[in-house]
mmCIF file of all heavy atoms, coordinates in Angstrom:
data_MODEL
# 
_entry.id   MODEL 
# 
loop_
_atom_site.group_PDB 
_atom_site.id 
_atom_site.type_symbol 
_atom_site.label_atom_id 
_atom_site.label_alt_id 
_atom_site.label_comp_id 
_atom_site.label_asym_id 
_atom_site.label_entity_id 
_atom_site.label_seq_id 
_atom_site.pdbx_PDB_ins_code 
_atom_site.Cartn_x 
_atom_site.Cartn_y 
_atom_site.Cartn_z 
_atom_site.occupancy 
_atom_site.B_iso_or_equiv 
_atom_site.pdbx_formal_charge 
_atom_site.auth_seq_id 
_atom_site.auth_comp_id 
_atom_site.auth_asym_id 
_atom_site.auth_atom_id 
_atom_site.pdbx_PDB_model_num 
ATOM 1   N N   . ASN A 1 1  ? 24.206 1.896   -26.051 1.00 0.00 ? 1  ASN A N   1 
ATOM 2   C CA  . ASN A 1 1  ? 23.699 1.360   -24.783 1.00 0.00 ? 1  ASN A CA  1 
ATOM 3   C C   . ASN A 1 1  ? 22.234 0.922   -24.859 1.00 0.00 ? 1  ASN A C   1 
ATOM 4   O O   . ASN A 1 1  ? 21.489 1.047   -23.894 1.00 0.00 ? 1  ASN A O   1 
ATOM 5   C CB  . ASN A 1 1  ? 23.876 2.390   -23.655 1.00 0.00 ? 1  ASN A CB  1 
ATOM 6   C CG  . ASN A 1 1  ? 25.322 2.778   -23.471 1.00 0.00 ? 1  ASN A CG  1 
ATOM 7   O OD1 . ASN A 1 1  ? 26.211 1.932   -23.446 1.00 0.00 ? 1  ASN A OD1 1 
ATOM 8   N ND2 . ASN A 1 1  ? 25.568 4.087   -23.363 1.00 0.00 ? 1  ASN A ND2 1 
ATOM 9   N N   . SER A 1 2  ? 21.853 0.394   -26.012 1.00 0.00 ? 2  SER A N   1 
ATOM 10  C CA  . SER A 1 2  ? 20.482 -0.110  -26.127 1.00 0.00 ? 2  SER A CA  1 
ATOM 11  C C   . SER A 1 2  ? 20.300 -1.378  -25.303 1.00 0.00 ? 2  SER A C   1 
ATOM 12  O O   . SER A 1 2  ? 19.207 -1.667  -24.819 1.00 0.00 ? 2  SER A O   1 
ATOM 13  C CB  . SER A 1 2  ? 20.130 -0.389  -27.586 1.00 0.00 ? 2  SER A CB  1 
ATOM 14  O OG  . SER A 1 2  ? 20.871 -1.493  -28.075 1.00 0.00 ? 2  SER A OG  1 
ATOM 15  N N   . GLY A 1 3  ? 21.389 -2.147  -25.164 1.00 0.00 ? 3  GLY A N   1 
ATOM 16  C CA  . GLY A 1 3  ? 21.317 -3.371  -24.391 1.00 0.00 ? 3  GLY A CA  1 
ATOM 17  C C   . GLY A 1 3  ? 20.489 -4.461  -25.035 1.00 0.00 ? 3  GLY A C   1 
ATOM 18  O O   . GLY A 1 3  ? 20.178 -5.469  -24.412 1.00 0.00 ? 3  GLY A O   1 
ATOM 19  N N   . SER A 1 4  ? 20.146 -4.277  -26.304 1.00 0.00 ? 4  SER A N   1 
ATOM 20  C CA  . SER A 1 4  ? 19.290 -5.240  -26.996 1.00 0.00 ? 4  SER A CA  1 
ATOM 21  C C   . SER A 1 4  ? 20.071 -5.934  -28.105 1.00 0.00 ? 4  SER A C   1 
ATOM 22  O O   . SER A 1 4  ? 20.903 -5.312  -28.770 1.00 0.00 ? 4  SER A O   1 
ATOM 23  C CB  . SER A 1 4  ? 18.078 -4.528  -27.582 1.00 0.00 ? 4  SER A CB  1 
ATOM 24  O OG  . SER A 1 4  ? 17.281 -5.428  -28.333 1.00 0.00 ? 4  SER A OG  1 
ATOM 25  N N   . PRO A 1 5  ? 19.805 -7.208  -28.358 1.00 0.00 ? 5  PRO A N   1 
ATOM 26  C CA  . PRO A 1 5  ? 20.472 -7.906  -29.462 1.00 0.00 ? 5  PRO A CA  1 
ATOM 27  C C   . PRO A 1 5  ? 19.865 -7.591  -30.824 1.00 0.00 ? 5  PRO A C   1 
ATOM 28  O O   . PRO A 1 5  ? 20.480 -7.813  -31.844 1.00 0.00 ? 5  PRO A O   1 
ATOM 29  C CB  . PRO A 1 5  ? 20.306 -9.372  -29.115 1.00 0.00 ? 5  PRO A CB  1 
ATOM 30  C CG  . PRO A 1 5  ? 19.045 -9.413  -28.310 1.00 0.00 ? 5  PRO A CG  1 
ATOM 31  C CD  . PRO A 1 5  ? 19.000 -8.131  -27.537 1.00 0.00 ? 5  PRO A CD  1 
ATOM 32  N N   . ILE A 1 6  ? 18.615 -7.119  -30.828 1.00 0.00 ? 6  ILE A N   1 
ATOM 33  C CA  . ILE A 1 6  ? 17.948 -6.732  -32.070 1.00 0.00 ? 6  ILE A CA  1 
ATOM 34  C C   . ILE A 1 6  ? 17.190 -5.434  -31.821 1.00 0.00 ? 6  ILE A C   1 
ATOM 35  O O   . ILE A 1 6  ? 16.889 -5.078  -30.678 1.00 0.00 ? 6  ILE A O   1 
ATOM 36  C CB  . ILE A 1 6  ? 16.986 -7.815  -32.599 1.00 0.00 ? 6  ILE A CB  1 
ATOM 37  C CG1 . ILE A 1 6  ? 15.854 -8.069  -31.606 1.00 0.00 ? 6  ILE A CG1 1 
ATOM 38  C CG2 . ILE A 1 6  ? 17.742 -9.117  -32.882 1.00 0.00 ? 6  ILE A CG2 1 
ATOM 39  C CD1 . ILE A 1 6  ? 14.800 -9.054  -32.128 1.00 0.00 ? 6  ILE A CD1 1 
ATOM 40  N N   . GLY A 1 7  ? 16.905 -4.725  -32.897 1.00 0.00 ? 7  GLY A N   1 
ATOM 41  C CA  . GLY A 1 7  ? 16.170 -3.479  -32.752 1.00 0.00 ? 7  GLY A CA  1 
ATOM 42  C C   . GLY A 1 7  ? 15.545 -3.082  -34.078 1.00 0.00 ? 7  GLY A C   1 
ATOM 43  O O   . GLY A 1 7  ? 15.754 -3.728  -35.100 1.00 0.00 ? 7  GLY A O   1 
ATOM 44  N N   . ARG A 1 8  ? 14.799 -1.983  -34.042 1.00 0.00 ? 8  ARG A N   1 
ATOM 45  C CA  . ARG A 1 8  ? 14.147 -1.529  -35.256 1.00 0.00 ? 8  ARG A CA  1 
ATOM 46  C C   . ARG A 1 8  ? 14.053 -0.009  -35.274 1.00 0.00 ? 8  ARG A C   1 
ATOM 47  O O   . ARG A 1 8  ? 14.237 0.653   -34.249 1.00 0.00 ? 8  ARG A O   1 
ATOM 48  C CB  . ARG A 1 8  ? 12.760 -2.135  -35.394 1.00 0.00 ? 8  ARG A CB  1 
ATOM 49  C CG  . ARG A 1 8  ? 11.750 -1.650  -34.371 1.00 0.00 ? 8  ARG A CG  1 
ATOM 50  C CD  . ARG A 1 8  ? 10.432 -2.375  -34.541 1.00 0.00 ? 8  ARG A CD  1 
ATOM 51  N NE  . ARG A 1 8  ? 9.391  -1.806  -33.679 1.00 0.00 ? 8  ARG A NE  1 
ATOM 52  C CZ  . ARG A 1 8  ? 8.169  -2.300  -33.558 1.00 0.00 ? 8  ARG A CZ  1 
ATOM 53  N NH1 . ARG A 1 8  ? 7.841  -3.395  -34.244 1.00 0.00 ? 8  ARG A NH1 1 
ATOM 54  N NH2 . ARG A 1 8  ? 7.279  -1.728  -32.775 1.00 0.00 ? 8  ARG A NH2 1 
ATOM 55  N N   . ASN A 1 9  ? 13.749 0.509   -36.438 1.00 0.00 ? 9  ASN A N   1 
ATOM 56  C CA  . ASN A 1 9  ? 13.522 1.934   -36.596 1.00 0.00 ? 9  ASN A CA  1 
ATOM 57  C C   . ASN A 1 9  ? 12.205 2.304   -35.914 1.00 0.00 ? 9  ASN A C   1 
ATOM 58  O O   . ASN A 1 9  ? 11.172 1.676   -36.162 1.00 0.00 ? 9  ASN A O   1 
ATOM 59  C CB  . ASN A 1 9  ? 13.480 2.266   -38.093 1.00 0.00 ? 9  ASN A CB  1 
ATOM 60  C CG  . ASN A 1 9  ? 13.382 3.739   -38.372 1.00 0.00 ? 9  ASN A CG  1 
ATOM 61  O OD1 . ASN A 1 9  ? 12.382 4.366   -38.057 1.00 0.00 ? 9  ASN A OD1 1 
ATOM 62  N ND2 . ASN A 1 9  ? 14.411 4.293   -38.987 1.00 0.00 ? 9  ASN A ND2 1 
ATOM 63  N N   . ASP A 1 10 ? 12.243 3.315   -35.071 1.00 0.00 ? 10 ASP A N   1 
ATOM 64  C CA  . ASP A 1 10 ? 11.055 3.670   -34.296 1.00 0.00 ? 10 ASP A CA  1 
ATOM 65  C C   . ASP A 1 10 ? 9.891  4.120   -35.172 1.00 0.00 ? 10 ASP A C   1 
ATOM 66  O O   . ASP A 1 10 ? 8.726  3.913   -34.827 1.00 0.00 ? 10 ASP A O   1 
ATOM 67  C CB  . ASP A 1 10 ? 11.390 4.775   -33.286 1.00 0.00 ? 10 ASP A CB  1 
ATOM 68  C CG  . ASP A 1 10 ? 12.251 4.273   -32.148 1.00 0.00 ? 10 ASP A CG  1 
ATOM 69  O OD1 . ASP A 1 10 ? 12.235 3.051   -31.889 1.00 0.00 ? 10 ASP A OD1 1 
ATOM 70  O OD2 . ASP A 1 10 ? 12.952 5.098   -31.526 1.00 0.00 ? 10 ASP A OD2 1 
ATOM 71  N N   . THR A 1 11 ? 10.206 4.751   -36.286 1.00 0.00 ? 11 THR A N   1 
ATOM 72  C CA  . THR A 1 11 ? 9.140  5.274   -37.149 1.00 0.00 ? 11 THR A CA  1 
ATOM 73  C C   . THR A 1 11 ? 8.795  4.343   -38.300 1.00 0.00 ? 11 THR A C   1 
ATOM 74  O O   . THR A 1 11 ? 7.797  4.551   -38.984 1.00 0.00 ? 11 THR A O   1 
ATOM 75  C CB  . THR A 1 11 ? 9.540  6.646   -37.715 1.00 0.00 ? 11 THR A CB  1 
ATOM 76  O OG1 . THR A 1 11 ? 10.759 6.523   -38.457 1.00 0.00 ? 11 THR A OG1 1 
ATOM 77  C CG2 . THR A 1 11 ? 9.731  7.659   -36.595 1.00 0.00 ? 11 THR A CG2 1 
ATOM 78  N N   . SER A 1 12 ? 9.630  3.335   -38.530 1.00 0.00 ? 12 SER A N   1 
ATOM 79  C CA  . SER A 1 12 ? 9.366  2.383   -39.606 1.00 0.00 ? 12 SER A CA  1 
ATOM 80  C C   . SER A 1 12 ? 9.732  0.982   -39.143 1.00 0.00 ? 12 SER A C   1 
ATOM 81  O O   . SER A 1 12 ? 10.880 0.545   -39.292 1.00 0.00 ? 12 SER A O   1 
ATOM 82  C CB  . SER A 1 12 ? 10.159 2.744   -40.871 1.00 0.00 ? 12 SER A CB  1 
ATOM 83  O OG  . SER A 1 12 ? 9.892  1.807   -41.908 1.00 0.00 ? 12 SER A OG  1 
ATOM 84  N N   . PRO A 1 13 ? 8.786  0.239   -38.584 1.00 0.00 ? 13 PRO A N   1 
ATOM 85  C CA  . PRO A 1 13 ? 9.093  -1.093  -38.050 1.00 0.00 ? 13 PRO A CA  1 
ATOM 86  C C   . PRO A 1 13 ? 9.483  -2.116  -39.113 1.00 0.00 ? 13 PRO A C   1 
ATOM 87  O O   . PRO A 1 13 ? 9.877  -3.232  -38.771 1.00 0.00 ? 13 PRO A O   1 
ATOM 88  C CB  . PRO A 1 13 ? 7.788  -1.497  -37.347 1.00 0.00 ? 13 PRO A CB  1 
ATOM 89  C CG  . PRO A 1 13 ? 6.721  -0.664  -37.984 1.00 0.00 ? 13 PRO A CG  1 
ATOM 90  C CD  . PRO A 1 13 ? 7.382  0.630   -38.347 1.00 0.00 ? 13 PRO A CD  1 
ATOM 91  N N   . ARG A 1 14 ? 9.402  -1.734  -40.373 1.00 0.00 ? 14 ARG A N   1 
ATOM 92  C CA  . ARG A 1 14 ? 9.897  -2.629  -41.428 1.00 0.00 ? 14 ARG A CA  1 
ATOM 93  C C   . ARG A 1 14 ? 11.425 -2.702  -41.436 1.00 0.00 ? 14 ARG A C   1 
ATOM 94  O O   . ARG A 1 14 ? 11.992 -3.614  -42.029 1.00 0.00 ? 14 ARG A O   1 
ATOM 95  C CB  . ARG A 1 14 ? 9.420  -2.143  -42.796 1.00 0.00 ? 14 ARG A CB  1 
ATOM 96  C CG  . ARG A 1 14 ? 7.928  -2.240  -43.043 1.00 0.00 ? 14 ARG A CG  1 
ATOM 97  C CD  . ARG A 1 14 ? 7.586  -1.718  -44.421 1.00 0.00 ? 14 ARG A CD  1 
ATOM 98  N NE  . ARG A 1 14 ? 6.156  -1.754  -44.691 1.00 0.00 ? 14 ARG A NE  1 
ATOM 99  C CZ  . ARG A 1 14 ? 5.509  -2.809  -45.159 1.00 0.00 ? 14 ARG A CZ  1 
ATOM 100 N NH1 . ARG A 1 14 ? 6.182  -3.912  -45.435 1.00 0.00 ? 14 ARG A NH1 1 
ATOM 101 N NH2 . ARG A 1 14 ? 4.217  -2.771  -45.378 1.00 0.00 ? 14 ARG A NH2 1 
ATOM 102 N N   . LEU A 1 15 ? 12.081 -1.724  -40.831 1.00 0.00 ? 15 LEU A N   1 
ATOM 103 C CA  . LEU A 1 15 ? 13.544 -1.623  -40.844 1.00 0.00 ? 15 LEU A CA  1 
ATOM 104 C C   . LEU A 1 15 ? 14.096 -2.147  -39.525 1.00 0.00 ? 15 LEU A C   1 
ATOM 105 O O   . LEU A 1 15 ? 13.883 -1.544  -38.470 1.00 0.00 ? 15 LEU A O   1 
ATOM 106 C CB  . LEU A 1 15 ? 13.972 -0.178  -41.061 1.00 0.00 ? 15 LEU A CB  1 
ATOM 107 C CG  . LEU A 1 15 ? 13.434 0.504   -42.326 1.00 0.00 ? 15 LEU A CG  1 
ATOM 108 C CD1 . LEU A 1 15 ? 13.821 1.982   -42.337 1.00 0.00 ? 15 LEU A CD1 1 
ATOM 109 C CD2 . LEU A 1 15 ? 13.967 -0.198  -43.582 1.00 0.00 ? 15 LEU A CD2 1 
ATOM 110 N N   . ASN A 1 16 ? 14.824 -3.266  -39.592 1.00 0.00 ? 16 ASN A N   1 
ATOM 111 C CA  . ASN A 1 16 ? 15.291 -3.946  -38.381 1.00 0.00 ? 16 ASN A CA  1 
ATOM 112 C C   . ASN A 1 16 ? 16.778 -4.247  -38.442 1.00 0.00 ? 16 ASN A C   1 
ATOM 113 O O   . ASN A 1 16 ? 17.319 -4.582  -39.506 1.00 0.00 ? 16 ASN A O   1 
ATOM 114 C CB  . ASN A 1 16 ? 14.523 -5.263  -38.204 1.00 0.00 ? 16 ASN A CB  1 
ATOM 115 C CG  . ASN A 1 16 ? 13.031 -5.049  -38.047 1.00 0.00 ? 16 ASN A CG  1 
ATOM 116 O OD1 . ASN A 1 16 ? 12.524 -4.963  -36.952 1.00 0.00 ? 16 ASN A OD1 1 
ATOM 117 N ND2 . ASN A 1 16 ? 12.322 -4.967  -39.168 1.00 0.00 ? 16 ASN A ND2 1 
ATOM 118 N N   . TRP A 1 17 ? 17.432 -4.157  -37.286 1.00 0.00 ? 17 TRP A N   1 
ATOM 119 C CA  . TRP A 1 17 ? 18.845 -4.532  -37.196 1.00 0.00 ? 17 TRP A CA  1 
ATOM 120 C C   . TRP A 1 17 ? 19.015 -5.712  -36.238 1.00 0.00 ? 17 TRP A C   1 
ATOM 121 O O   . TRP A 1 17 ? 18.224 -5.902  -35.312 1.00 0.00 ? 17 TRP A O   1 
ATOM 122 C CB  . TRP A 1 17 ? 19.722 -3.362  -36.768 1.00 0.00 ? 17 TRP A CB  1 
ATOM 123 C CG  . TRP A 1 17 ? 19.383 -2.687  -35.456 1.00 0.00 ? 17 TRP A CG  1 
ATOM 124 C CD1 . TRP A 1 17 ? 18.621 -1.569  -35.284 1.00 0.00 ? 17 TRP A CD1 1 
ATOM 125 C CD2 . TRP A 1 17 ? 19.811 -3.081  -34.141 1.00 0.00 ? 17 TRP A CD2 1 
ATOM 126 N NE1 . TRP A 1 17 ? 18.536 -1.237  -33.946 1.00 0.00 ? 17 TRP A NE1 1 
ATOM 127 C CE2 . TRP A 1 17 ? 19.261 -2.142  -33.221 1.00 0.00 ? 17 TRP A CE2 1 
ATOM 128 C CE3 . TRP A 1 17 ? 20.587 -4.117  -33.640 1.00 0.00 ? 17 TRP A CE3 1 
ATOM 129 C CZ2 . TRP A 1 17 ? 19.471 -2.218  -31.845 1.00 0.00 ? 17 TRP A CZ2 1 
ATOM 130 C CZ3 . TRP A 1 17 ? 20.805 -4.199  -32.265 1.00 0.00 ? 17 TRP A CZ3 1 
ATOM 131 C CH2 . TRP A 1 17 ? 20.253 -3.258  -31.388 1.00 0.00 ? 17 TRP A CH2 1 
ATOM 132 N N   . VAL A 1 18 ? 20.037 -6.492  -36.520 1.00 0.00 ? 18 VAL A N   1 
ATOM 133 C CA  . VAL A 1 18 ? 20.388 -7.649  -35.701 1.00 0.00 ? 18 VAL A CA  1 
ATOM 134 C C   . VAL A 1 18 ? 21.872 -7.537  -35.374 1.00 0.00 ? 18 VAL A C   1 
ATOM 135 O O   . VAL A 1 18 ? 22.700 -7.362  -36.274 1.00 0.00 ? 18 VAL A O   1 
ATOM 136 C CB  . VAL A 1 18 ? 20.095 -8.972  -36.444 1.00 0.00 ? 18 VAL A CB  1 
ATOM 137 C CG1 . VAL A 1 18 ? 20.547 -10.169 -35.612 1.00 0.00 ? 18 VAL A CG1 1 
ATOM 138 C CG2 . VAL A 1 18 ? 18.612 -9.080  -36.782 1.00 0.00 ? 18 VAL A CG2 1 
ATOM 139 N N   . ASN A 1 19 ? 22.228 -7.642  -34.112 1.00 0.00 ? 19 ASN A N   1 
ATOM 140 C CA  . ASN A 1 19 ? 23.612 -7.462  -33.695 1.00 0.00 ? 19 ASN A CA  1 
ATOM 141 C C   . ASN A 1 19 ? 24.388 -8.766  -33.828 1.00 0.00 ? 19 ASN A C   1 
ATOM 142 O O   . ASN A 1 19 ? 24.747 -9.420  -32.848 1.00 0.00 ? 19 ASN A O   1 
ATOM 143 C CB  . ASN A 1 19 ? 23.674 -6.943  -32.259 1.00 0.00 ? 19 ASN A CB  1 
ATOM 144 C CG  . ASN A 1 19 ? 25.059 -6.402  -31.919 1.00 0.00 ? 19 ASN A CG  1 
ATOM 145 O OD1 . ASN A 1 19 ? 25.716 -5.807  -32.765 1.00 0.00 ? 19 ASN A OD1 1 
ATOM 146 N ND2 . ASN A 1 19 ? 25.498 -6.610  -30.694 1.00 0.00 ? 19 ASN A ND2 1 
ATOM 147 N N   . SER A 1 20 ? 24.621 -9.137  -35.080 1.00 0.00 ? 20 SER A N   1 
ATOM 148 C CA  . SER A 1 20 ? 25.364 -10.355 -35.379 1.00 0.00 ? 20 SER A CA  1 
ATOM 149 C C   . SER A 1 20 ? 25.748 -10.327 -36.862 1.00 0.00 ? 20 SER A C   1 
ATOM 150 O O   . SER A 1 20 ? 25.850 -9.257  -37.463 1.00 0.00 ? 20 SER A O   1 
ATOM 151 C CB  . SER A 1 20 ? 24.534 -11.596 -35.050 1.00 0.00 ? 20 SER A CB  1 
ATOM 152 O OG  . SER A 1 20 ? 25.316 -12.777 -35.191 1.00 0.00 ? 20 SER A OG  1 
ATOM 153 N N   . PHE A 1 21 ? 25.928 -11.504 -37.432 1.00 0.00 ? 21 PHE A N   1 
ATOM 154 C CA  . PHE A 1 21 ? 26.383 -11.621 -38.802 1.00 0.00 ? 21 PHE A CA  1 
ATOM 155 C C   . PHE A 1 21 ? 25.209 -11.569 -39.798 1.00 0.00 ? 21 PHE A C   1 
ATOM 156 O O   . PHE A 1 21 ? 24.048 -11.713 -39.409 1.00 0.00 ? 21 PHE A O   1 
ATOM 157 C CB  . PHE A 1 21 ? 27.157 -12.921 -38.987 1.00 0.00 ? 21 PHE A CB  1 
ATOM 158 C CG  . PHE A 1 21 ? 28.440 -12.966 -38.205 1.00 0.00 ? 21 PHE A CG  1 
ATOM 159 C CD1 . PHE A 1 21 ? 28.571 -13.782 -37.093 1.00 0.00 ? 21 PHE A CD1 1 
ATOM 160 C CD2 . PHE A 1 21 ? 29.518 -12.171 -38.587 1.00 0.00 ? 21 PHE A CD2 1 
ATOM 161 C CE1 . PHE A 1 21 ? 29.750 -13.822 -36.371 1.00 0.00 ? 21 PHE A CE1 1 
ATOM 162 C CE2 . PHE A 1 21 ? 30.703 -12.205 -37.877 1.00 0.00 ? 21 PHE A CE2 1 
ATOM 163 C CZ  . PHE A 1 21 ? 30.827 -13.021 -36.760 1.00 0.00 ? 21 PHE A CZ  1 
ATOM 164 N N   . PRO A 1 22 ? 25.515 -11.378 -41.089 1.00 0.00 ? 22 PRO A N   1 
ATOM 165 C CA  . PRO A 1 22 ? 24.447 -11.312 -42.094 1.00 0.00 ? 22 PRO A CA  1 
ATOM 166 C C   . PRO A 1 22 ? 23.529 -12.530 -42.102 1.00 0.00 ? 22 PRO A C   1 
ATOM 167 O O   . PRO A 1 22 ? 22.301 -12.379 -42.165 1.00 0.00 ? 22 PRO A O   1 
ATOM 168 C CB  . PRO A 1 22 ? 25.221 -11.168 -43.410 1.00 0.00 ? 22 PRO A CB  1 
ATOM 169 C CG  . PRO A 1 22 ? 26.485 -10.493 -43.024 1.00 0.00 ? 22 PRO A CG  1 
ATOM 170 C CD  . PRO A 1 22 ? 26.831 -11.043 -41.668 1.00 0.00 ? 22 PRO A CD  1 
ATOM 171 N N   . VAL A 1 23 ? 24.095 -13.721 -42.058 1.00 0.00 ? 23 VAL A N   1 
ATOM 172 C CA  . VAL A 1 23 ? 23.262 -14.923 -42.090 1.00 0.00 ? 23 VAL A CA  1 
ATOM 173 C C   . VAL A 1 23 ? 22.348 -14.986 -40.868 1.00 0.00 ? 23 VAL A C   1 
ATOM 174 O O   . VAL A 1 23 ? 21.175 -15.362 -40.972 1.00 0.00 ? 23 VAL A O   1 
ATOM 175 C CB  . VAL A 1 23 ? 24.139 -16.190 -42.200 1.00 0.00 ? 23 VAL A CB  1 
ATOM 176 C CG1 . VAL A 1 23 ? 23.318 -17.445 -41.908 1.00 0.00 ? 23 VAL A CG1 1 
ATOM 177 C CG2 . VAL A 1 23 ? 24.746 -16.293 -43.588 1.00 0.00 ? 23 VAL A CG2 1 
ATOM 178 N N   . THR A 1 24 ? 22.882 -14.589 -39.713 1.00 0.00 ? 24 THR A N   1 
ATOM 179 C CA  . THR A 1 24 ? 22.049 -14.531 -38.514 1.00 0.00 ? 24 THR A CA  1 
ATOM 180 C C   . THR A 1 24 ? 20.890 -13.557 -38.715 1.00 0.00 ? 24 THR A C   1 
ATOM 181 O O   . THR A 1 24 ? 19.750 -13.828 -38.320 1.00 0.00 ? 24 THR A O   1 
ATOM 182 C CB  . THR A 1 24 ? 22.871 -14.099 -37.303 1.00 0.00 ? 24 THR A CB  1 
ATOM 183 O OG1 . THR A 1 24 ? 24.079 -14.861 -37.237 1.00 0.00 ? 24 THR A OG1 1 
ATOM 184 C CG2 . THR A 1 24 ? 22.077 -14.280 -36.014 1.00 0.00 ? 24 THR A CG2 1 
ATOM 185 N N   . SER A 1 25 ? 21.191 -12.434 -39.349 1.00 0.00 ? 25 SER A N   1 
ATOM 186 C CA  . SER A 1 25 ? 20.158 -11.435 -39.618 1.00 0.00 ? 25 SER A CA  1 
ATOM 187 C C   . SER A 1 25 ? 19.072 -12.001 -40.519 1.00 0.00 ? 25 SER A C   1 
ATOM 188 O O   . SER A 1 25 ? 17.873 -11.773 -40.287 1.00 0.00 ? 25 SER A O   1 
ATOM 189 C CB  . SER A 1 25 ? 20.782 -10.200 -40.275 1.00 0.00 ? 25 SER A CB  1 
ATOM 190 O OG  . SER A 1 25 ? 21.787 -9.648  -39.463 1.00 0.00 ? 25 SER A OG  1 
ATOM 191 N N   . MET A 1 26 ? 19.478 -12.716 -41.553 1.00 0.00 ? 26 MET A N   1 
ATOM 192 C CA  . MET A 1 26 ? 18.503 -13.341 -42.439 1.00 0.00 ? 26 MET A CA  1 
ATOM 193 C C   . MET A 1 26 ? 17.695 -14.393 -41.689 1.00 0.00 ? 26 MET A C   1 
ATOM 194 O O   . MET A 1 26 ? 16.463 -14.482 -41.836 1.00 0.00 ? 26 MET A O   1 
ATOM 195 C CB  . MET A 1 26 ? 19.198 -13.960 -43.649 1.00 0.00 ? 26 MET A CB  1 
ATOM 196 C CG  . MET A 1 26 ? 18.273 -14.669 -44.627 1.00 0.00 ? 26 MET A CG  1 
ATOM 197 S SD  . MET A 1 26 ? 17.037 -13.585 -45.395 1.00 0.00 ? 26 MET A SD  1 
ATOM 198 C CE  . MET A 1 26 ? 18.001 -12.919 -46.772 1.00 0.00 ? 26 MET A CE  1 
ATOM 199 N N   . ARG A 1 27 ? 18.362 -15.176 -40.860 1.00 0.00 ? 27 ARG A N   1 
ATOM 200 C CA  . ARG A 1 27 ? 17.666 -16.224 -40.099 1.00 0.00 ? 27 ARG A CA  1 
ATOM 201 C C   . ARG A 1 27 ? 16.613 -15.614 -39.175 1.00 0.00 ? 27 ARG A C   1 
ATOM 202 O O   . ARG A 1 27 ? 15.466 -16.083 -39.116 1.00 0.00 ? 27 ARG A O   1 
ATOM 203 C CB  . ARG A 1 27 ? 18.682 -17.053 -39.307 1.00 0.00 ? 27 ARG A CB  1 
ATOM 204 C CG  . ARG A 1 27 ? 18.060 -18.082 -38.390 1.00 0.00 ? 27 ARG A CG  1 
ATOM 205 C CD  . ARG A 1 27 ? 19.085 -19.094 -37.909 1.00 0.00 ? 27 ARG A CD  1 
ATOM 206 N NE  . ARG A 1 27 ? 20.167 -18.514 -37.143 1.00 0.00 ? 27 ARG A NE  1 
ATOM 207 C CZ  . ARG A 1 27 ? 20.130 -18.260 -35.825 1.00 0.00 ? 27 ARG A CZ  1 
ATOM 208 N NH1 . ARG A 1 27 ? 19.024 -18.517 -35.144 1.00 0.00 ? 27 ARG A NH1 1 
ATOM 209 N NH2 . ARG A 1 27 ? 21.187 -17.755 -35.203 1.00 0.00 ? 27 ARG A NH2 1 
ATOM 210 N N   . TYR A 1 28 ? 16.997 -14.562 -38.467 1.00 0.00 ? 28 TYR A N   1 
ATOM 211 C CA  . TYR A 1 28 ? 16.042 -13.898 -37.581 1.00 0.00 ? 28 TYR A CA  1 
ATOM 212 C C   . TYR A 1 28 ? 14.912 -13.245 -38.381 1.00 0.00 ? 28 TYR A C   1 
ATOM 213 O O   . TYR A 1 28 ? 13.754 -13.222 -37.943 1.00 0.00 ? 28 TYR A O   1 
ATOM 214 C CB  . TYR A 1 28 ? 16.754 -12.861 -36.708 1.00 0.00 ? 28 TYR A CB  1 
ATOM 215 C CG  . TYR A 1 28 ? 17.105 -13.397 -35.342 1.00 0.00 ? 28 TYR A CG  1 
ATOM 216 C CD1 . TYR A 1 28 ? 18.112 -14.363 -35.197 1.00 0.00 ? 28 TYR A CD1 1 
ATOM 217 C CD2 . TYR A 1 28 ? 16.442 -12.981 -34.203 1.00 0.00 ? 28 TYR A CD2 1 
ATOM 218 C CE1 . TYR A 1 28 ? 18.438 -14.876 -33.968 1.00 0.00 ? 28 TYR A CE1 1 
ATOM 219 C CE2 . TYR A 1 28 ? 16.755 -13.497 -32.953 1.00 0.00 ? 28 TYR A CE2 1 
ATOM 220 C CZ  . TYR A 1 28 ? 17.756 -14.442 -32.841 1.00 0.00 ? 28 TYR A CZ  1 
ATOM 221 O OH  . TYR A 1 28 ? 18.058 -14.970 -31.601 1.00 0.00 ? 28 TYR A OH  1 
ATOM 222 N N   . GLY A 1 29 ? 15.249 -12.715 -39.540 1.00 0.00 ? 29 GLY A N   1 
ATOM 223 C CA  . GLY A 1 29 ? 14.217 -12.122 -40.383 1.00 0.00 ? 29 GLY A CA  1 
ATOM 224 C C   . GLY A 1 29 ? 13.193 -13.136 -40.829 1.00 0.00 ? 29 GLY A C   1 
ATOM 225 O O   . GLY A 1 29 ? 11.979 -12.870 -40.827 1.00 0.00 ? 29 GLY A O   1 
ATOM 226 N N   . ILE A 1 30 ? 13.671 -14.321 -41.203 1.00 0.00 ? 30 ILE A N   1 
ATOM 227 C CA  . ILE A 1 30 ? 12.780 -15.380 -41.677 1.00 0.00 ? 30 ILE A CA  1 
ATOM 228 C C   . ILE A 1 30 ? 11.966 -15.988 -40.535 1.00 0.00 ? 30 ILE A C   1 
ATOM 229 O O   . ILE A 1 30 ? 10.757 -16.218 -40.659 1.00 0.00 ? 30 ILE A O   1 
ATOM 230 C CB  . ILE A 1 30 ? 13.603 -16.477 -42.385 1.00 0.00 ? 30 ILE A CB  1 
ATOM 231 C CG1 . ILE A 1 30 ? 14.185 -15.939 -43.702 1.00 0.00 ? 30 ILE A CG1 1 
ATOM 232 C CG2 . ILE A 1 30 ? 12.751 -17.721 -42.640 1.00 0.00 ? 30 ILE A CG2 1 
ATOM 233 C CD1 . ILE A 1 30 ? 15.190 -16.864 -44.349 1.00 0.00 ? 30 ILE A CD1 1 
# 
């Protein structure tokens, strides 16, 4: 129930998730 399309690790902002496909994740990362 985060309600967010993307998120990150609270203690390590280098670690991010994207609620979609791998290519979408790479696109958002770039």
